[in-house]
């Protein structure tokens, strides 16, 4: 995925499913009297089908989506009350096109993409966390005399272009160090960070910790990521996103997706081998042993992004960071035409933990 992650048909309202064993126990303990109206109503609720939900993922299958694959394959979503269809976007499809058209119900996308979409009039809302840490860092060759972000002053930095997470990440990293793009030489090199750095075309490159940094290691290229206080970056990475109309109509389904994905993250962290085996069902390139081991390295790096500082899985979003991001995108990055209504753009009402 070029941008890391950088990332659905409304149907019926979800009702809570009760396990069949529980229903049998209730029946076994009942008296000879006729069931109460409340019991009959509960029985009707229990028999309803899970709500159909289409979850959109970007581009081709990848181990970075392993938690969603696990939640689907292990029936985590189903047990939570959602009948999920996973759908990968085509490369030429807009990120929110299927969502706003009602062809998808939830999609994975970065927080900055949510605020930019809302700035364009789309009523999208982030309903659950996927990454807790922003994955962008600045890398330099191991032997470089650049030891800190401040040392980048006067040096060339390669980025894919002035767009997307790499660009916003660089702006935020420089801004937090008291620098701007005027203090460095920003060079657009496309997605050729590894080749450009190896050839000495640039002094540093902006990369993802779970993408290019992993590839550097697998290819034996020795690089260092400059120290950055990730918690201080005013940016939100991958999140679960829907429309306000859909979540208002299907609150239980939204909760099932958020909590089910969180459980998927937890299972991936607890059992990476299982995560890889499940991913192989979606990504047949992992049938190649070398690709399988490469995916293992990517998964290890991605789990660090998905879990909190103490290694826990949580669907709760950092609302303070969302507010800081809104201000940063409007005041510093200049990618928004007006100050965003962050309260309308993000909610934790569907995350139980």
Protein backbone atom coordinates (compact mmCIF):
# COMPACT_ATOMS: atom_id res chain seq x y z
CA UNK A 1 0.00 0.00 0.00
CA UNK A 2 1.59 3.20 -1.17
CA UNK A 3 0.15 5.28 1.64
CA UNK A 4 0.43 2.64 4.36
CA UNK A 5 -3.16 2.16 4.82
CA UNK A 6 -4.13 4.77 3.78
CA UNK A 7 -7.35 3.63 3.45
CA UNK A 8 -21.31 0.44 3.27
CA UNK A 9 -24.89 -0.61 2.05
CA UNK A 10 -27.39 0.32 4.74
CA UNK A 11 -29.67 -2.59 5.55
CA UNK A 12 -31.55 -3.56 8.69
CA UNK A 13 -31.04 -2.34 12.24
CA UNK A 14 -28.93 -4.82 14.18
CA UNK A 15 -30.38 -6.53 17.20
CA UNK A 16 -28.40 -8.44 19.77
CA UNK A 17 -28.03 -12.15 19.15
CA UNK A 18 -28.26 -14.57 22.06
CA UNK A 19 -26.33 -17.83 21.91
CA UNK A 20 -28.46 -20.86 21.18
CA UNK A 21 -27.23 -22.57 24.32
CA UNK A 22 -28.55 -19.71 26.40
CA UNK A 23 -31.93 -19.95 24.71
CA UNK A 24 -32.07 -23.70 25.41
CA UNK A 25 -31.18 -23.11 29.04
CA UNK A 26 -33.98 -20.59 29.33
CA UNK A 27 -36.43 -23.04 27.81
CA UNK A 28 -35.29 -25.84 30.10
CA UNK A 29 -35.79 -23.70 33.18
CA UNK A 30 -39.24 -22.42 32.21
CA UNK A 31 -42.35 -23.52 34.10
CA UNK A 32 -45.45 -24.99 32.57
CA UNK A 33 -46.92 -21.52 32.38
CA UNK A 34 -47.11 -19.76 29.03
CA UNK A 35 -44.11 -17.55 28.23
CA UNK A 36 -44.58 -13.90 29.09
CA UNK A 37 -45.01 -11.33 26.28
CA UNK A 38 -41.51 -10.07 27.08
CA UNK A 39 -40.08 -13.57 26.62
CA UNK A 40 -41.86 -13.94 23.28
CA UNK A 41 -40.50 -10.57 22.16
CA UNK A 42 -36.98 -11.57 23.19
CA UNK A 43 -37.34 -14.85 21.27
CA UNK A 44 -38.30 -12.96 18.12
CA UNK A 45 -35.30 -10.68 18.53
CA UNK A 46 -32.97 -13.66 18.98
CA UNK A 47 -34.09 -15.19 15.69
CA UNK A 48 -33.31 -12.13 13.58
CA UNK A 49 -30.41 -12.36 11.15
CA UNK A 50 -27.15 -10.41 11.58
CA UNK A 51 -27.01 -7.11 9.75
CA UNK A 52 -25.24 -7.19 6.38
CA UNK A 53 -22.23 -4.87 6.36
CA UNK A 54 -19.74 -4.20 3.56
CA UNK A 55 -16.33 -3.15 4.88
CA UNK A 56 -14.11 -1.37 2.34
CA UNK A 57 -10.35 -1.89 2.33
CA UNK A 58 -7.88 -0.16 0.05
CA UNK A 59 -6.35 -1.72 -3.04
CA UNK A 60 -5.01 -5.27 -2.92
CA UNK A 61 -5.11 -7.76 -0.01
CA UNK A 62 -2.29 -7.16 2.46
CA UNK A 63 -1.26 -8.41 5.89
CA UNK A 64 -1.91 -4.90 7.25
CA UNK A 65 -5.60 -5.82 7.00
CA UNK A 66 -5.09 -9.06 8.95
CA UNK A 67 -7.38 -8.06 11.86
CA UNK A 68 -10.35 -7.69 9.52
CA UNK A 69 -9.55 -11.01 7.84
CA UNK A 70 -9.35 -12.67 11.25
CA UNK A 71 -12.58 -11.11 12.46
CA UNK A 72 -14.33 -12.43 9.35
CA UNK A 73 -12.73 -15.90 9.24
CA UNK A 74 -13.01 -16.53 13.00
CA UNK A 75 -16.68 -15.40 12.99
CA UNK A 76 -15.88 -12.54 15.37
CA UNK A 77 -17.99 -10.14 13.32
CA UNK A 78 -20.77 -12.71 12.98
CA UNK A 79 -20.86 -13.39 16.71
CA UNK A 80 -21.07 -9.64 17.30
CA UNK A 81 -24.08 -9.46 14.98
CA UNK A 82 -22.63 -8.34 11.64
CA UNK A 83 -22.58 -10.38 8.44
CA UNK A 84 -19.49 -8.76 6.91
CA UNK A 85 -18.38 -8.68 3.30
CA UNK A 86 -14.79 -7.46 2.86
CA UNK A 87 -14.24 -5.43 -0.30
CA UNK A 88 -10.92 -4.17 -1.67
CA UNK A 89 -11.11 -0.96 -3.70
CA UNK A 90 -9.76 -0.68 -7.19
CA UNK A 91 -6.74 1.62 -7.54
CA UNK A 92 -8.78 4.03 -9.65
CA UNK A 93 -11.70 4.22 -7.22
CA UNK A 94 -12.11 7.19 -4.90
CA UNK A 95 -11.61 6.35 -1.24
CA UNK A 96 -15.13 7.38 -0.18
CA UNK A 97 -16.90 6.87 -3.51
CA UNK A 98 -18.49 3.53 -2.61
CA UNK A 99 -19.22 4.68 0.94
CA UNK A 100 -21.15 7.78 -0.04
CA UNK A 101 -22.89 5.83 -2.82
CA UNK A 102 -24.13 3.26 -0.31
CA UNK A 103 -22.10 0.43 -1.85
CA UNK A 104 -20.03 0.18 1.34
CA UNK A 105 -21.06 0.77 4.94
CA UNK A 106 -17.66 1.23 6.59
CA UNK A 107 -14.21 1.91 5.15
CA UNK A 108 -10.67 2.14 6.47
CA UNK A 109 -9.22 5.62 5.96
CA UNK A 110 -6.86 8.00 7.72
CA UNK A 111 -8.12 10.74 9.99
CA UNK A 112 -6.80 13.52 7.78
CA UNK A 113 -8.75 12.03 4.86
CA UNK A 114 -11.90 12.17 6.98
CA UNK A 115 -11.49 15.88 7.71
CA UNK A 116 -10.63 16.66 4.09
CA UNK A 117 -13.70 14.74 2.89
CA UNK A 118 -15.91 16.64 5.32
CA UNK A 119 -14.36 19.87 4.07
CA UNK A 120 -15.69 18.86 0.65
CA UNK A 121 -19.20 18.33 2.00
CA UNK A 122 -19.21 14.59 2.74
CA UNK A 123 -20.92 13.61 6.00
CA UNK A 124 -18.36 10.97 6.98
CA UNK A 125 -17.52 10.11 10.58
CA UNK A 126 -14.68 8.14 12.20
CA UNK A 127 -16.18 5.50 14.48
CA UNK A 128 -13.20 3.46 15.71
CA UNK A 129 -9.43 3.39 15.87
CA UNK A 130 -7.33 1.07 13.72
CA UNK A 131 -3.84 2.59 14.11
CA UNK A 132 -2.99 4.34 17.38
CA UNK A 133 0.38 5.60 16.13
CA UNK A 134 1.10 7.61 13.02
CA UNK A 135 3.42 5.45 10.88
CA UNK A 136 5.48 8.15 9.15
CA UNK A 137 9.17 8.69 10.01
CA UNK A 138 12.24 10.28 8.41
CA UNK A 139 15.00 7.78 7.60
CA UNK A 140 18.67 8.37 6.86
CA UNK A 141 21.58 6.03 6.02
CA UNK A 142 23.13 4.48 9.11
CA UNK A 143 26.43 6.26 8.47
CA UNK A 144 24.79 9.69 7.98
CA UNK A 145 25.89 12.57 10.21
CA UNK A 146 22.23 13.60 10.51
CA UNK A 147 21.31 12.59 14.07
CA UNK A 148 18.12 14.55 14.72
CA UNK A 149 15.27 16.31 12.96
CA UNK A 150 16.99 19.64 13.64
CA UNK A 151 20.04 18.35 11.75
CA UNK A 152 17.90 18.13 8.60
CA UNK A 153 18.25 21.89 8.18
CA UNK A 154 19.77 22.57 4.75
CA UNK A 155 19.55 18.90 3.68
CA UNK A 156 17.44 17.24 0.96
CA UNK A 157 14.45 15.10 1.94
CA UNK A 158 12.79 12.78 -0.57
CA UNK A 159 9.02 12.32 -0.54
CA UNK A 160 6.59 10.72 -3.04
CA UNK A 161 5.08 14.16 -3.63
CA UNK A 162 3.31 17.00 -1.85
CA UNK A 163 0.24 14.92 -1.01
CA UNK A 164 -0.94 12.19 1.30
CA UNK A 165 0.37 10.90 4.59
CA UNK A 166 4.08 11.22 3.71
CA UNK A 167 3.68 14.92 3.00
CA UNK A 168 1.49 15.69 6.03
CA UNK A 169 3.76 13.60 8.23
CA UNK A 170 6.81 15.56 7.08
CA UNK A 171 5.05 18.89 7.69
CA UNK A 172 4.07 17.81 11.20
CA UNK A 173 7.52 16.46 12.04
CA UNK A 174 9.23 19.64 10.86
CA UNK A 175 6.67 21.85 12.57
CA UNK A 176 7.13 20.10 15.92
CA UNK A 177 10.90 20.70 15.62
CA UNK A 178 10.40 24.39 14.89
CA UNK A 179 11.28 23.95 11.20
CA UNK A 180 9.41 24.45 7.95
CA UNK A 181 9.86 23.34 4.35
CA UNK A 182 11.84 26.57 3.84
CA UNK A 183 14.57 25.18 6.09
CA UNK A 184 15.08 21.99 4.04
CA UNK A 185 15.15 20.94 0.42
CA UNK A 186 12.05 18.85 -0.27
CA UNK A 187 12.45 16.65 -3.37
CA UNK A 188 9.58 14.78 -5.02
CA UNK A 189 10.94 11.34 -5.94
CA UNK A 190 7.78 9.27 -6.31
CA UNK A 191 7.63 6.01 -4.40
CA UNK A 192 11.35 5.33 -4.92
CA UNK A 193 12.57 6.13 -1.41
CA UNK A 194 14.84 3.12 -1.11
CA UNK A 195 16.53 3.55 -4.48
CA UNK A 196 16.89 7.32 -4.06
CA UNK A 197 18.45 6.98 -0.62
CA UNK A 198 20.76 4.15 -1.69
CA UNK A 199 21.96 6.15 -4.70
CA UNK A 200 22.57 9.27 -2.63
CA UNK A 201 20.05 11.32 -4.59
CA UNK A 202 18.67 12.69 -1.31
CA UNK A 203 20.00 12.87 2.24
CA UNK A 204 16.84 11.54 3.89
CA UNK A 205 13.49 10.05 2.95
CA UNK A 206 10.02 10.05 4.44
CA UNK A 207 8.76 6.48 4.88
CA UNK A 208 6.30 4.27 6.74
CA UNK A 209 7.53 2.20 9.68
CA UNK A 210 5.52 -0.80 8.48
CA UNK A 211 6.38 -0.49 4.80
CA UNK A 212 9.66 0.96 3.55
CA UNK A 213 11.45 0.64 6.90
CA UNK A 214 10.64 -3.07 6.86
CA UNK A 215 11.81 -3.38 3.26
CA UNK A 216 15.12 -1.69 4.09
CA UNK A 217 15.77 -4.35 6.70
CA UNK A 218 14.72 -7.26 4.51
CA UNK A 219 17.03 -6.03 1.75
CA UNK A 220 19.96 -5.53 4.12
CA UNK A 221 20.06 -1.76 3.72
CA UNK A 222 21.20 -0.13 6.96
CA UNK A 223 19.20 2.97 7.83
CA UNK A 224 18.10 4.85 10.94
CA UNK A 225 14.76 6.46 11.71
CA UNK A 226 15.30 9.85 13.34
CA UNK A 227 13.76 10.16 16.79
CA UNK A 228 10.29 11.69 16.68
CA UNK A 229 7.80 12.06 19.51
CA UNK A 230 4.97 10.22 17.76
CA UNK A 231 2.53 11.09 20.54
CA UNK A 232 3.11 14.78 19.82
CA UNK A 233 2.31 14.53 16.11
CA UNK A 234 -1.08 16.20 15.42
CA UNK A 235 -2.16 13.51 12.98
CA UNK A 236 -4.49 10.50 13.12
CA UNK A 237 -3.77 7.52 10.91
CA UNK A 238 -6.03 4.61 9.92
CA UNK A 239 -9.55 4.62 11.34
CA UNK A 240 -12.87 2.91 10.71
CA UNK A 241 -15.08 5.39 8.89
CA UNK A 242 -18.78 5.43 8.00
CA UNK A 243 -21.47 8.01 7.28
CA UNK A 244 -23.52 9.60 10.05
CA UNK A 245 -26.68 8.49 8.26
CA UNK A 246 -25.61 4.83 8.32
CA UNK A 247 -24.42 4.69 11.94
CA UNK A 248 -27.56 6.46 13.13
CA UNK A 249 -29.63 3.81 11.35
CA UNK A 250 -27.41 0.87 12.39
CA UNK A 251 -25.77 1.68 15.76
CA UNK A 252 -25.46 -1.97 16.80
CA UNK A 253 -23.85 -2.90 13.48
CA UNK A 254 -21.38 -0.03 13.86
CA UNK A 255 -20.56 -1.29 17.34
CA UNK A 256 -20.10 -4.83 16.00
CA UNK A 257 -17.60 -3.59 13.38
CA UNK A 258 -15.58 -1.51 15.84
CA UNK A 259 -15.47 -4.11 18.60
CA UNK A 260 -15.03 -6.98 16.12
CA UNK A 261 -12.06 -5.27 14.48
CA UNK A 262 -10.56 -4.54 17.90
CA UNK A 263 -10.84 -8.23 18.73
CA UNK A 264 -9.20 -9.01 15.39
CA UNK A 265 -6.27 -6.76 16.33
CA UNK A 266 -6.01 -8.48 19.69
CA UNK A 267 -5.98 -11.92 18.07
CA UNK A 268 -3.33 -10.84 15.54
CA UNK A 269 -1.11 -9.53 18.35
CA UNK A 270 -1.61 -12.68 20.45
CA UNK A 271 -1.08 -15.11 17.58
CA UNK A 272 0.81 -13.62 14.60
CA UNK A 273 1.13 -17.03 12.96
CA UNK A 274 -2.63 -17.39 12.84
CA UNK A 275 -2.89 -13.87 11.40
CA UNK A 276 -0.48 -14.82 8.62
CA UNK A 277 -2.26 -18.09 7.82
CA UNK A 278 -5.61 -16.32 7.62
CA UNK A 279 -4.15 -13.55 5.45
CA UNK A 280 -2.80 -16.18 3.05
CA UNK A 281 -6.40 -17.09 2.21
CA UNK A 282 -6.86 -13.55 0.88
CA UNK A 283 -3.35 -12.88 -0.44
CA UNK A 284 -2.05 -15.82 -2.46
CA UNK A 285 1.38 -14.20 -2.87
CA UNK A 286 2.05 -15.44 0.67
CA UNK A 287 2.23 -18.98 -0.69
CA UNK A 288 5.81 -18.00 -1.56
CA UNK A 289 7.96 -18.64 1.57
CA UNK A 290 9.99 -15.44 1.15
CA UNK A 291 6.84 -13.35 0.79
CA UNK A 292 5.34 -15.08 3.81
CA UNK A 293 8.34 -14.14 5.96
CA UNK A 294 8.30 -10.62 4.58
CA UNK A 295 4.65 -10.36 5.59
CA UNK A 296 5.61 -11.54 9.07
CA UNK A 297 7.98 -8.57 9.41
CA UNK A 298 5.31 -6.16 8.13
CA UNK A 299 2.77 -7.62 10.56
CA UNK A 300 5.16 -7.21 13.49
CA UNK A 301 5.67 -3.54 12.64
CA UNK A 302 1.94 -3.01 12.02
CA UNK A 303 0.88 -4.52 15.35
CA UNK A 304 2.96 -1.83 17.07
CA UNK A 305 0.85 0.78 15.26
CA UNK A 306 -2.46 -0.93 16.02
CA UNK A 307 -1.96 -1.34 19.75
CA UNK A 308 -1.70 1.27 22.46
CA UNK A 309 1.46 2.16 24.35
CA UNK A 310 0.92 -0.70 26.79
CA UNK A 311 0.29 -3.18 23.98
CA UNK A 312 -3.49 -3.31 24.35
CA UNK A 313 -6.08 -3.33 21.56
CA UNK A 314 -8.64 -0.53 21.77
CA UNK A 315 -11.22 0.96 19.47
CA UNK A 316 -11.22 4.25 21.40
CA UNK A 317 -9.91 7.25 19.52
CA UNK A 318 -7.75 10.04 20.92
CA UNK A 319 -10.16 12.97 20.70
CA UNK A 320 -7.53 15.48 21.83
CA UNK A 321 -5.29 14.45 18.93
CA UNK A 322 -8.23 14.78 16.56
CA UNK A 323 -8.74 18.38 17.68
CA UNK A 324 -5.03 19.13 17.29
CA UNK A 325 -5.11 17.59 13.83
CA UNK A 326 -8.03 19.77 12.80
CA UNK A 327 -6.13 22.87 13.83
CA UNK A 328 -2.92 21.67 12.15
CA UNK A 329 -4.60 20.81 8.83
CA UNK A 330 -6.34 24.19 8.74
CA UNK A 331 -3.66 26.52 10.13
CA UNK A 332 -0.38 24.90 9.11
CA UNK A 333 -0.92 22.38 6.31
CA UNK A 334 -3.53 24.54 4.60
CA UNK A 335 -5.44 21.55 3.21
CA UNK A 336 -8.81 22.65 4.65
CA UNK A 337 -10.84 25.61 3.43
CA UNK A 338 -12.43 26.21 6.84
CA UNK A 339 -11.91 25.25 10.47
CA UNK A 340 -13.34 21.72 10.83
CA UNK A 341 -16.16 20.61 13.11
CA UNK A 342 -14.13 17.87 14.76
CA UNK A 343 -16.93 16.93 17.17
CA UNK A 344 -19.05 15.93 14.18
CA UNK A 345 -16.17 14.10 12.49
CA UNK A 346 -15.26 11.57 15.19
CA UNK A 347 -17.03 9.60 17.91
CA UNK A 348 -16.20 6.94 20.49
CA UNK A 349 -19.83 5.97 21.05
CA UNK A 350 -19.38 2.64 19.21
CA UNK A 351 -16.17 1.49 20.95
CA UNK A 352 -16.70 -0.51 24.14
CA UNK A 353 -12.98 -0.51 25.00
